[in-house]
Amino acid sequence: MKATTALALAAAPVWLATAQAPQGGNIFDKAINQPGIDWSLYGPDQKAKEVPAADVPGGNAVRVQVTRKGANPWDTGATYPTIKPVAAGDTLLAVVYLRAPDAKDGVTVPVPIGAGGADAPYTPIAAETVQVGSSWKRFYASGVSSAAYAPGKARISIQLAGARQVLEIGPAFLLDLGQGVDPAKLPKN
């Protein structure tokens, strides 16, 4: 389920596709993951499969059915690794497409998303609990890394065990915007 450059360009939010990276260059130069839907699922009480999703860039998503609430929200989840390093002090922005297809109109479900270390103690870099409804929406989490990470040692994460639920997870981007970028000035949910 690896994305191509064409998918990455098609999947970009409008502000992202037209934005210039800090200090010039293309914003896609700042992607530290391979944008797409190549999510790794973990934990008990979940089933996942790829499904068509005409309303998201690339046209596909991963549908995850969580059959039982976990003792902790992180007992079941989805992760997406980096392919490039992160320096201490770098500002990261995670962009993830999500929807809860079984949610009734006007009802949302809380879903923790973020980015952080891939190994214990799973140090968070960015964390947000977003309210996911039945329609596709882009969600953001941003923060400043307190440590350096080698390729594959940081990741995007979504915690799914907060409830018995069905979520669809679409394309994801993890952007390393470098040093001195204020997360308060980045897109919010």
Protein backbone atom coordinates (compact mmCIF):
# COMPACT_ATOMS: atom_id res chain seq x y z
CA MET A 1 0.00 0.00 0.00
CA LYS A 2 2.95 2.37 -0.56
CA ALA A 3 2.07 5.76 -2.03
CA THR A 4 3.73 7.19 -5.09
CA THR A 5 4.84 10.76 -5.58
CA ALA A 6 1.70 11.29 -7.66
CA LEU A 7 -0.43 10.17 -4.70
CA ALA A 8 1.52 12.44 -2.39
CA LEU A 9 0.87 15.40 -4.68
CA ALA A 10 -2.80 14.46 -5.10
CA ALA A 11 -3.21 13.90 -1.36
CA ALA A 12 -1.87 17.28 -0.34
CA PRO A 13 -4.19 19.74 1.36
CA VAL A 14 -4.49 22.93 -0.72
CA TRP A 15 -2.45 24.99 1.78
CA LEU A 16 0.24 22.30 1.72
CA ALA A 17 0.42 21.87 -2.05
CA THR A 18 0.91 25.62 -2.59
CA ALA A 19 3.05 26.33 0.48
CA GLN A 20 6.75 26.86 0.37
CA ALA A 21 8.81 25.05 2.94
CA PRO A 22 10.52 27.29 5.48
CA GLN A 23 13.76 28.69 3.96
CA GLY A 24 12.45 28.00 0.43
CA GLY A 25 12.00 24.76 -1.45
CA ASN A 26 9.02 22.48 -1.89
CA ILE A 27 7.00 21.51 1.19
CA PHE A 28 7.17 17.85 0.06
CA ASP A 29 10.91 18.01 0.73
CA LYS A 30 9.89 18.18 4.40
CA ALA A 31 7.97 14.86 4.39
CA ILE A 32 9.76 12.35 6.61
CA ASN A 33 7.35 9.48 5.96
CA GLN A 34 6.27 7.90 2.68
CA PRO A 35 2.81 9.54 2.37
CA GLY A 36 -0.02 7.08 1.75
CA ILE A 37 -2.02 4.45 3.65
CA ASP A 38 0.66 1.93 4.58
CA TRP A 39 -0.46 1.83 8.22
CA SER A 40 0.74 -0.88 10.65
CA LEU A 41 -2.03 -2.04 12.98
CA TYR A 42 -1.33 -3.53 16.40
CA GLY A 43 -3.20 -4.79 19.42
CA PRO A 44 -6.06 -7.15 20.15
CA ASP A 45 -9.69 -6.96 19.16
CA GLN A 46 -9.22 -5.29 15.78
CA LYS A 47 -9.65 -6.19 12.13
CA ALA A 48 -8.37 -4.06 9.27
CA LYS A 49 -8.77 -4.04 5.52
CA GLU A 50 -8.19 -1.65 2.64
CA VAL A 51 -11.38 -0.08 1.29
CA PRO A 52 -12.23 2.33 -1.52
CA ALA A 53 -12.55 5.93 -0.31
CA ALA A 54 -13.47 8.22 -3.19
CA ASP A 55 -13.47 11.32 -0.97
CA VAL A 56 -9.78 11.12 0.02
CA PRO A 57 -6.73 11.70 -2.13
CA GLY A 58 -5.55 8.44 -3.61
CA GLY A 59 -9.04 6.88 -3.39
CA ASN A 60 -8.32 4.28 -0.69
CA ALA A 61 -8.28 4.01 3.10
CA VAL A 62 -7.83 1.42 5.81
CA ARG A 63 -11.03 0.43 7.65
CA VAL A 64 -10.36 -0.66 11.22
CA GLN A 65 -13.05 -2.37 13.25
CA VAL A 66 -12.30 -2.32 16.98
CA THR A 67 -14.50 -5.02 18.50
CA ARG A 68 -13.91 -4.19 22.17
CA LYS A 69 -12.79 -1.14 24.17
CA GLY A 70 -9.31 -1.60 25.63
CA ALA A 71 -8.16 -0.98 29.17
CA ASN A 72 -6.11 1.89 27.67
CA PRO A 73 -6.71 3.86 24.44
CA TRP A 74 -3.25 2.78 23.16
CA ASP A 75 -3.91 -0.97 23.57
CA THR A 76 -4.91 -1.05 19.89
CA GLY A 77 -3.70 1.41 17.31
CA ALA A 78 -2.18 2.29 13.98
CA THR A 79 1.34 3.55 13.35
CA TYR A 80 3.20 4.96 10.38
CA PRO A 81 7.03 5.11 10.48
CA THR A 82 9.44 7.79 9.37
CA ILE A 83 11.95 7.16 6.59
CA LYS A 84 14.15 10.17 7.41
CA PRO A 85 15.82 11.38 10.63
CA VAL A 86 14.47 14.00 13.05
CA ALA A 87 16.77 16.42 14.90
CA ALA A 88 16.16 17.61 18.46
CA GLY A 89 14.35 20.95 18.28
CA ASP A 90 12.65 20.24 14.93
CA THR A 91 8.95 21.12 14.61
CA LEU A 92 6.83 18.25 13.26
CA LEU A 93 3.35 18.43 11.74
CA ALA A 94 1.30 15.25 11.36
CA VAL A 95 -1.59 15.40 8.87
CA VAL A 96 -4.04 12.47 8.86
CA TYR A 97 -7.36 11.89 7.06
CA LEU A 98 -9.96 10.16 9.29
CA ARG A 99 -13.65 9.38 9.46
CA ALA A 100 -16.00 7.29 11.61
CA PRO A 101 -18.37 5.92 8.93
CA ASP A 102 -20.89 4.54 11.45
CA ALA A 103 -21.20 7.77 13.48
CA LYS A 104 -24.62 9.38 13.33
CA ASP A 105 -24.91 12.87 11.83
CA GLY A 106 -23.60 15.46 14.27
CA VAL A 107 -21.94 12.85 16.51
CA THR A 108 -18.18 12.59 16.82
CA VAL A 109 -15.85 10.15 18.51
CA PRO A 110 -12.66 11.21 20.29
CA VAL A 111 -9.50 9.73 18.75
CA PRO A 112 -5.96 10.48 20.01
CA ILE A 113 -3.48 11.13 17.18
CA GLY A 114 0.10 12.30 17.21
CA ALA A 115 3.74 11.67 16.50
CA GLY A 116 6.51 10.45 18.74
CA GLY A 117 9.20 7.92 19.40
CA ALA A 118 8.72 4.41 18.04
CA ASP A 119 10.39 2.70 21.03
CA ALA A 120 9.69 2.76 24.78
CA PRO A 121 9.13 5.13 26.47
CA TYR A 122 7.30 6.33 23.28
CA THR A 123 8.14 9.99 23.97
CA PRO A 124 5.45 12.20 22.41
CA ILE A 125 6.40 14.97 20.00
CA ALA A 126 2.87 16.01 19.03
CA ALA A 127 -0.46 14.87 20.49
CA GLU A 128 -4.09 15.85 19.91
CA THR A 129 -7.39 14.20 20.69
CA VAL A 130 -9.51 14.94 17.63
CA GLN A 131 -13.27 14.66 17.18
CA VAL A 132 -13.95 12.36 14.22
CA GLY A 133 -17.35 12.39 12.51
CA SER A 134 -18.90 10.44 9.66
CA SER A 135 -17.39 12.61 6.90
CA TRP A 136 -13.75 12.64 5.84
CA LYS A 137 -11.68 15.38 7.44
CA ARG A 138 -8.00 16.27 7.73
CA PHE A 139 -6.66 16.32 11.29
CA TYR A 140 -3.44 17.85 12.58
CA ALA A 141 -1.04 17.40 15.48
CA SER A 142 2.14 19.46 15.85
CA GLY A 143 4.97 19.85 18.31
CA VAL A 144 8.70 20.24 18.82
CA SER A 145 10.91 17.18 19.17
CA SER A 146 12.90 17.08 22.42
CA ALA A 147 15.23 14.37 21.04
CA ALA A 148 16.84 13.24 17.81
CA TYR A 149 15.47 10.17 16.03
CA ALA A 150 17.06 7.98 13.36
CA PRO A 151 14.95 6.95 10.34
CA GLY A 152 12.19 4.58 11.48
CA LYS A 153 12.57 5.58 15.15
CA ALA A 154 9.76 8.17 15.08
CA ARG A 155 6.23 7.62 13.82
CA ILE A 156 2.69 8.88 13.45
CA SER A 157 0.29 7.12 15.82
CA ILE A 158 -3.46 6.77 16.22
CA GLN A 159 -4.88 5.24 19.40
CA LEU A 160 -7.96 3.16 18.60
CA ALA A 161 -8.92 1.24 21.77
CA GLY A 162 -10.86 4.09 23.38
CA ALA A 163 -14.16 2.54 22.29
CA ARG A 164 -15.76 -0.23 20.28
CA GLN A 165 -15.83 1.52 16.92
CA VAL A 166 -15.17 1.55 13.20
CA LEU A 167 -12.70 4.11 11.87
CA GLU A 168 -11.37 4.68 8.40
CA ILE A 169 -7.82 5.96 8.19
CA GLY A 170 -6.72 7.67 5.01
CA PRO A 171 -3.46 9.15 3.77
CA ALA A 172 -0.94 10.55 6.24
CA PHE A 173 1.92 13.02 6.08
CA LEU A 174 4.58 13.70 8.70
CA LEU A 175 6.41 16.92 7.92
CA ASP A 176 9.66 18.02 9.58
CA LEU A 177 9.53 21.80 9.33
CA GLY A 178 12.94 22.27 10.95
CA GLN A 179 14.15 24.51 13.74
CA GLY A 180 12.46 27.67 14.97
CA VAL A 181 8.97 27.01 13.57
CA ASP A 182 6.24 27.88 16.09
CA PRO A 183 3.64 25.05 16.29
CA ALA A 184 1.04 27.67 17.32
CA LYS A 185 1.20 29.07 13.77
CA LEU A 186 0.47 25.72 12.10
CA PRO A 187 -3.01 24.43 11.09
CA LYS A 188 -5.32 23.40 13.94
CA ASN A 189 -8.33 21.09 14.13
